[in-house]
Amino acid sequence: MSKAHRGTGVRTEFNHGRGKCPRCGTENVKVLYEKEIDGNTVKICKRCNAELKNIAKKEARASKAAAAAAAPAEEAPAEA
């Protein structure tokens, strides 16, 4: 089957979406993912986008575990 429409969204962007990632400094990579870093919205590469998602996922798990550990401690004196 034909893949004629692959990459059509990138063709309209300057340099076909390629440039330097402001986060990692890698040059000539596709910078397609918009993220807010230090109050500025910038376009970053795929690897940095995945890394930021993984960091957010780890922080969410840690806060959920901390909340779960604090909840039984609050309930214990009420039952006694």
Protein backbone atom coordinates (compact mmCIF):
# COMPACT_ATOMS: atom_id res chain seq x y z
CA MET A 1 0.00 0.00 0.00
CA SER A 2 1.09 3.55 -0.69
CA LYS A 3 2.38 5.83 2.03
CA ALA A 4 1.88 9.10 0.16
CA HIS A 5 0.58 11.06 3.17
CA ARG A 6 3.39 10.21 5.55
CA GLY A 7 4.92 13.40 6.98
CA THR A 8 2.48 15.83 5.38
CA GLY A 9 2.09 17.77 8.63
CA VAL A 10 5.81 18.40 8.83
CA ARG A 11 6.20 19.58 5.25
CA THR A 12 4.57 22.92 5.98
CA GLU A 13 6.96 23.75 8.84
CA PHE A 14 10.25 25.57 8.41
CA ASN A 15 13.04 23.17 7.44
CA HIS A 16 10.52 20.31 7.58
CA GLY A 17 10.46 20.51 11.37
CA ARG A 18 14.18 20.02 11.79
CA GLY A 19 16.34 22.15 14.01
CA LYS A 20 18.20 22.25 17.30
CA CYS A 21 16.49 20.98 20.44
CA PRO A 22 16.67 23.71 23.09
CA ARG A 23 16.65 21.19 25.95
CA CYS A 24 19.37 18.70 24.96
CA GLY A 25 21.15 20.73 22.28
CA THR A 26 21.03 18.01 19.62
CA GLU A 27 21.18 19.51 16.15
CA ASN A 28 19.31 18.52 12.96
CA VAL A 29 16.58 16.54 14.74
CA LYS A 30 12.84 16.94 14.33
CA VAL A 31 11.60 19.36 16.97
CA LEU A 32 7.86 18.77 16.88
CA TYR A 33 6.66 18.54 20.48
CA GLU A 34 5.58 21.75 22.19
CA LYS A 35 6.30 21.81 25.93
CA GLU A 36 6.39 24.56 28.52
CA ILE A 37 9.85 24.84 30.03
CA ASP A 38 10.64 27.61 32.52
CA GLY A 39 7.49 29.50 31.54
CA ASN A 40 8.29 29.48 27.81
CA THR A 41 6.60 27.26 25.23
CA VAL A 42 9.32 25.64 23.13
CA LYS A 43 9.46 22.81 20.62
CA ILE A 44 11.59 19.86 21.73
CA CYS A 45 12.73 16.57 20.20
CA LYS A 46 11.14 13.15 20.62
CA ARG A 47 13.70 11.92 23.16
CA CYS A 48 13.29 14.94 25.41
CA ASN A 49 9.51 14.65 25.18
CA ALA A 50 9.67 11.01 26.29
CA GLU A 51 12.10 11.88 29.08
CA LEU A 52 9.80 14.61 30.42
CA LYS A 53 6.83 12.23 30.30
CA ASN A 54 8.79 9.59 32.23
CA ILE A 55 9.83 12.13 34.86
CA ALA A 56 6.22 13.25 35.29
CA LYS A 57 5.10 9.62 35.55
CA LYS A 58 7.68 8.89 38.28
CA GLU A 59 6.67 12.00 40.23
CA ALA A 60 2.99 11.01 40.01
CA ARG A 61 3.75 7.52 41.31
CA ALA A 62 5.86 8.91 44.15
CA SER A 63 3.18 11.39 45.23
CA LYS A 64 0.51 8.69 45.02
CA ALA A 65 2.62 6.36 47.18
CA ALA A 66 3.25 9.15 49.69
CA ALA A 67 -0.47 9.93 49.87
CA ALA A 68 -1.28 6.23 50.37
CA ALA A 69 1.31 5.94 53.14
CA ALA A 70 -0.05 9.04 54.89
CA ALA A 71 -3.70 7.95 54.68
CA PRO A 72 -3.45 4.82 56.90
CA ALA A 73 -1.45 6.80 59.46
CA GLU A 74 -4.33 9.26 59.75
CA GLU A 75 -6.94 6.50 60.01
CA ALA A 76 -5.18 4.45 62.69
CA PRO A 77 -5.73 6.82 65.67
CA ALA A 78 -9.39 7.29 64.76
CA GLU A 79 -10.06 3.54 65.00
CA ALA A 80 -8.28 3.04 68.33
